[in-house]
Protein backbone atom coordinates (compact mmCIF):
# COMPACT_ATOMS: atom_id res chain seq x y z
CA UNK A 1 7.89 51.86 -58.03
CA UNK A 2 5.08 51.09 -55.66
CA UNK A 3 5.93 48.90 -52.85
CA UNK A 4 3.91 45.57 -52.72
CA UNK A 5 3.97 45.44 -48.98
CA UNK A 6 0.45 45.85 -47.39
CA UNK A 7 -0.32 49.21 -46.11
CA UNK A 8 -0.04 49.71 -42.34
CA UNK A 9 -3.17 49.96 -40.26
CA UNK A 10 -3.81 53.63 -38.93
CA UNK A 11 -3.00 54.17 -35.26
CA UNK A 12 -5.66 52.81 -33.00
CA UNK A 13 -7.25 50.54 -35.57
CA UNK A 14 -8.11 47.05 -34.27
CA UNK A 15 -5.81 44.26 -35.09
CA UNK A 16 -7.10 41.85 -37.51
CA UNK A 17 -8.19 38.53 -35.98
CA UNK A 18 -6.34 35.45 -37.24
CA UNK A 19 -8.32 33.05 -39.13
CA UNK A 20 -9.26 29.89 -36.97
CA UNK A 21 -8.44 26.36 -38.05
CA UNK A 22 -11.22 23.98 -38.98
CA UNK A 23 -12.46 22.01 -35.96
CA UNK A 24 -11.81 18.90 -37.90
CA UNK A 25 -7.92 19.65 -38.02
CA UNK A 26 -7.95 20.70 -34.40
CA UNK A 27 -9.55 17.26 -33.32
CA UNK A 28 -7.06 15.34 -35.71
CA UNK A 29 -4.13 17.20 -33.85
CA UNK A 30 -5.35 16.53 -30.49
CA UNK A 31 -5.92 12.87 -31.29
CA UNK A 32 -2.55 12.49 -32.51
CA UNK A 33 -0.99 14.08 -29.55
CA UNK A 34 -2.79 11.66 -27.31
CA UNK A 35 -1.51 8.78 -29.38
CA UNK A 36 2.10 10.19 -29.23
CA UNK A 37 1.75 10.36 -25.34
CA UNK A 38 0.31 6.90 -25.10
CA UNK A 39 3.22 5.43 -27.11
CA UNK A 40 5.75 7.37 -24.85
CA UNK A 41 3.95 5.90 -21.87
CA UNK A 42 4.33 2.54 -23.12
CA UNK A 43 7.89 3.00 -23.83
CA UNK A 44 8.69 4.54 -20.55
CA UNK A 45 6.82 1.76 -18.80
CA UNK A 46 8.81 -1.01 -20.62
CA UNK A 47 12.08 0.69 -20.10
CA UNK A 48 11.25 0.71 -16.27
CA UNK A 49 10.41 -2.84 -16.47
CA UNK A 50 13.50 -3.60 -17.94
CA UNK A 51 15.69 -1.53 -15.57
CA UNK A 52 13.79 -3.13 -12.59
CA UNK A 53 14.64 -6.56 -14.03
CA UNK A 54 18.49 -5.70 -14.32
CA UNK A 55 18.36 -4.12 -11.08
CA UNK A 56 16.97 -7.27 -9.39
CA UNK A 57 19.34 -9.55 -11.33
CA UNK A 58 22.42 -7.32 -10.23
CA UNK A 59 21.28 -7.11 -6.73
CA UNK A 60 20.84 -10.91 -6.57
CA UNK A 61 24.20 -11.56 -7.85
CA UNK A 62 25.87 -9.06 -5.60
CA UNK A 63 24.03 -10.58 -2.53
CA UNK A 64 25.39 -14.15 -3.51
CA UNK A 65 28.89 -12.87 -4.11
CA UNK A 66 28.58 -11.03 -0.78
CA UNK A 67 28.50 -14.33 1.14
CA UNK A 68 32.13 -14.73 0.23
CA UNK A 69 35.14 -14.41 2.43
CA UNK A 70 37.85 -13.05 -0.02
CA UNK A 71 38.63 -9.47 -0.68
CA UNK A 72 38.30 -10.33 -4.38
CA UNK A 73 34.92 -11.85 -4.05
CA UNK A 74 33.68 -8.97 -2.00
CA UNK A 75 34.98 -6.45 -4.71
CA UNK A 76 33.15 -8.21 -7.33
CA UNK A 77 29.95 -7.91 -5.27
CA UNK A 78 30.76 -4.25 -4.93
CA UNK A 79 30.75 -3.82 -8.62
CA UNK A 80 27.37 -5.78 -9.07
CA UNK A 81 25.83 -3.36 -6.38
CA UNK A 82 27.37 -0.30 -8.29
CA UNK A 83 26.00 -1.38 -11.33
CA UNK A 84 22.47 -1.80 -9.65
CA UNK A 85 22.76 1.63 -8.42
CA UNK A 86 23.78 3.00 -11.84
CA UNK A 87 20.53 1.20 -13.36
CA UNK A 88 18.33 2.56 -10.73
CA UNK A 89 19.81 5.14 -8.39
CA UNK A 90 16.86 5.90 -6.38
CA UNK A 91 16.29 2.38 -5.11
CA UNK A 92 17.90 2.07 -1.82
CA UNK A 93 18.43 -1.73 -1.26
CA UNK A 94 21.49 -1.53 -3.50
CA UNK A 95 23.02 1.27 -1.58
CA UNK A 96 22.32 -0.45 1.64
CA UNK A 97 23.96 -3.77 0.51
CA UNK A 98 27.05 -1.81 -0.91
CA UNK A 99 27.52 -0.42 2.43
CA UNK A 100 27.66 -3.65 4.12
CA UNK A 101 30.17 -4.90 1.58
CA UNK A 102 32.29 -1.86 2.03
CA UNK A 103 32.29 -2.41 5.78
CA UNK A 104 33.58 -5.91 5.35
CA UNK A 105 36.13 -4.48 2.96
CA UNK A 106 36.94 -2.00 5.78
CA UNK A 107 36.28 1.02 3.57
CA UNK A 108 34.23 2.56 6.42
CA UNK A 109 34.21 5.90 4.80
CA UNK A 110 32.71 4.80 1.78
CA UNK A 111 30.40 2.54 3.43
CA UNK A 112 29.02 5.47 5.59
CA UNK A 113 28.38 7.46 2.39
CA UNK A 114 26.24 4.36 1.09
CA UNK A 115 24.32 4.11 4.42
CA UNK A 116 23.57 7.85 4.42
CA UNK A 117 22.30 7.54 0.82
CA UNK A 118 20.04 4.78 2.15
CA UNK A 119 18.62 7.10 4.90
CA UNK A 120 17.95 9.59 2.27
CA UNK A 121 16.07 7.04 0.13
CA UNK A 122 13.99 5.50 2.88
CA UNK A 123 10.47 6.56 3.01
CA UNK A 124 9.64 4.11 5.66
CA UNK A 125 11.48 3.92 9.01
CA UNK A 126 11.97 0.14 8.92
CA UNK A 127 14.55 -2.32 9.58
CA UNK A 128 16.93 -1.38 6.59
CA UNK A 129 16.62 2.43 7.71
CA UNK A 130 17.33 1.53 11.43
CA UNK A 131 20.45 -0.66 10.54
CA UNK A 132 21.75 2.18 8.10
CA UNK A 133 21.25 4.82 11.01
CA UNK A 134 23.26 2.59 13.51
CA UNK A 135 26.13 2.03 10.83
CA UNK A 136 26.29 5.91 10.17
CA UNK A 137 26.60 6.39 14.07
CA UNK A 138 29.18 3.80 14.58
CA UNK A 139 31.23 5.33 11.95
CA UNK A 140 30.78 8.85 12.76
CA UNK A 141 31.18 8.28 16.61
CA UNK A 142 33.03 4.97 17.25
CA UNK A 143 35.05 5.09 13.81
CA UNK A 144 36.22 8.68 14.26
CA UNK A 145 34.50 9.87 11.02
CA UNK A 146 33.69 13.55 10.75
CA UNK A 147 29.97 14.58 10.81
CA UNK A 148 30.78 17.89 9.18
CA UNK A 149 32.41 16.15 6.38
CA UNK A 150 29.51 14.08 5.92
CA UNK A 151 27.08 16.87 6.16
CA UNK A 152 24.93 15.17 8.69
CA UNK A 153 22.33 17.63 9.86
CA UNK A 154 20.88 15.53 12.67
CA UNK A 155 24.36 15.35 14.67
CA UNK A 156 23.33 16.78 17.85
CA UNK A 157 22.09 15.86 21.25
CA UNK A 158 18.40 16.13 20.86
CA UNK A 159 18.15 14.57 17.33
CA UNK A 160 20.44 11.53 18.28
CA UNK A 161 18.36 10.96 21.39
CA UNK A 162 15.19 10.68 19.44
CA UNK A 163 16.93 8.75 16.53
CA UNK A 164 18.46 6.14 19.06
CA UNK A 165 15.12 5.61 20.62
CA UNK A 166 13.55 5.00 17.15
CA UNK A 167 16.00 2.81 15.99
CA UNK A 168 16.33 0.68 19.20
CA UNK A 169 12.43 0.24 18.82
CA UNK A 170 12.67 -0.83 15.19
CA UNK A 171 15.54 -3.06 15.51
CA UNK A 172 14.60 -4.72 18.85
CA UNK A 173 17.00 -7.12 20.40
CA UNK A 174 20.26 -6.12 18.67
CA UNK A 175 23.25 -5.19 20.72
CA UNK A 176 24.70 -2.44 18.18
CA UNK A 177 21.33 -0.72 18.46
CA UNK A 178 21.50 -1.04 22.07
CA UNK A 179 25.04 0.43 22.10
CA UNK A 180 23.70 3.40 20.23
CA UNK A 181 21.11 4.29 22.57
CA UNK A 182 23.42 3.65 25.77
CA UNK A 183 25.99 5.90 24.45
CA UNK A 184 23.66 8.64 23.72
CA UNK A 185 21.66 8.29 26.90
CA UNK A 186 24.83 8.21 29.09
CA UNK A 187 25.62 11.85 27.77
CA UNK A 188 28.90 13.45 29.04
CA UNK A 189 29.77 10.21 30.94
CA UNK A 190 30.77 8.73 27.80
CA UNK A 191 34.35 9.90 27.50
CA UNK A 192 34.45 10.26 23.48
CA UNK A 193 31.16 12.14 22.95
CA UNK A 194 31.60 14.42 20.18
CA UNK A 195 28.05 15.34 18.96
CA UNK A 196 28.27 18.85 20.27
CA UNK A 197 26.61 20.43 23.36
CA UNK A 198 25.05 17.67 25.66
CA UNK A 199 22.07 18.27 27.68
CA UNK A 200 21.30 17.03 31.26
CA UNK A 201 20.31 13.29 31.66
CA UNK A 202 17.74 12.12 34.12
CA UNK A 203 18.48 9.26 36.74
CA UNK A 204 16.26 7.03 34.52
CA UNK A 205 17.89 7.81 31.38
CA UNK A 206 21.46 7.00 33.12
CA UNK A 207 19.90 3.83 34.34
CA UNK A 208 18.82 2.96 30.96
CA UNK A 209 22.14 3.70 29.58
CA UNK A 210 23.92 1.38 32.30
CA UNK A 211 21.35 -1.59 31.53
CA UNK A 212 22.54 -1.09 27.83
CA UNK A 213 26.16 -1.12 28.52
CA UNK A 214 25.79 -4.34 30.32
CA UNK A 215 23.91 -5.79 27.35
CA UNK A 216 26.89 -4.70 25.34
CA UNK A 217 29.65 -6.09 27.64
CA UNK A 218 28.08 -9.62 27.89
CA UNK A 219 28.04 -9.55 23.85
CA UNK A 220 31.70 -8.66 23.82
CA UNK A 221 32.48 -11.38 26.16
CA UNK A 222 30.59 -13.88 23.86
CA UNK A 223 32.60 -12.57 20.82
CA UNK A 224 35.66 -13.00 22.81
CA UNK A 225 34.80 -16.84 23.19
CA UNK A 226 34.28 -17.23 19.42
CA UNK A 227 37.30 -15.05 17.84
CA UNK A 228 40.61 -16.31 19.10
CA UNK A 229 42.48 -13.67 17.24
CA UNK A 230 40.58 -10.82 18.89
CA UNK A 231 39.87 -12.22 22.20
CA UNK A 232 41.93 -10.08 24.16
CA UNK A 233 40.36 -6.98 22.36
CA UNK A 234 37.02 -8.10 23.08
CA UNK A 235 37.56 -8.72 26.72
CA UNK A 236 38.99 -5.42 27.29
CA UNK A 237 35.92 -3.76 25.48
CA UNK A 238 33.67 -5.77 27.69
CA UNK A 239 35.69 -4.20 30.92
CA UNK A 240 35.26 -0.87 29.33
CA UNK A 241 31.52 -1.30 28.95
CA UNK A 242 30.94 -2.67 32.38
CA UNK A 243 32.88 0.50 33.86
CA UNK A 244 30.78 2.92 31.84
CA UNK A 245 27.61 1.05 33.11
CA UNK A 246 28.74 1.32 36.72
CA UNK A 247 29.64 4.96 36.36
CA UNK A 248 26.13 5.66 34.71
CA UNK A 249 24.41 3.81 37.71
CA UNK A 250 26.55 5.71 40.42
CA UNK A 251 25.56 9.11 38.63
CA UNK A 252 21.90 8.08 38.68
CA UNK A 253 22.17 7.43 42.36
CA UNK A 254 23.63 10.75 43.06
CA UNK A 255 20.83 12.59 40.93
CA UNK A 256 18.22 10.59 43.08
CA UNK A 257 19.80 11.82 46.48
CA UNK A 258 20.06 15.35 45.26
C-alpha cells in the first residue's frame, strides 16, 4: 500500500518558503499585544501605588510607636517596620527606622544589619546615609562587632578615613560623627583600633583628632549631668577621651619637632 506521506525533497533542493500571514492578521495581533502590555503596565502601576500607600502607613504607625519607652511598644514598632520592608524591600527608610528601634532594644547586631542595608540602598550620601554609616562604625568598632562577619568591604584604614570625613561633612555638628572622625584620625593612638593596618598620621590629622576628642569629652560630661543612673560611667568616658586628646596633641608636637 502506497504511503500517503509527501515525498522527500531531493538532496540540495531549496526548502519551500512558508506561506506568509495576511498583513491584516499581523496588524491585529500587534494591536492586541500593545493593548495587553498597556493593561499590564496599568496593573503594575496600581499595585505599586497600593504598595506605596501601605508602606507609608506602616512606616507612620511604626514611627509613632517608636516614641514609646517600653520594650513592648518598641517591639510593636519593630513589627510595623518589618511589615513595611516586606511590602517594599528596596525602600531604605524602614530599614533605617528599624535599626534605630533595634538599637533601643539593645539588639545591636540586628541593628547593624539594618543600617548596613540602609547604606546599600542609599543612592545619595545624605543625612540618613551618614547616620547609618556612623551607627555601623559604632557597632563594629565600639560595640565589638565583627567586620568579617558583617562582610563590610570598606573596613580598612584608607576607606574609613574617607568615609569619616564625608560623614562629618554631611552631619555637621554631631558628637557621634565627631567621635567617628577623631578615632580614625588618631590612628594607632586609639588603643582598640581593629580595622587592619594603620597608615601614618600627619601632625594636622592628630590635632584634628585631639580637638574631636575634646568635643566628645564635653558631650560625655553633659550626659553625666542628665543621667543619674550612668553619671559615673559618663564621667569615666569623658576622662578617657580627654586623655586620648592629650596623647594625640603630644604626638603631633613630636612630629613637628622631628
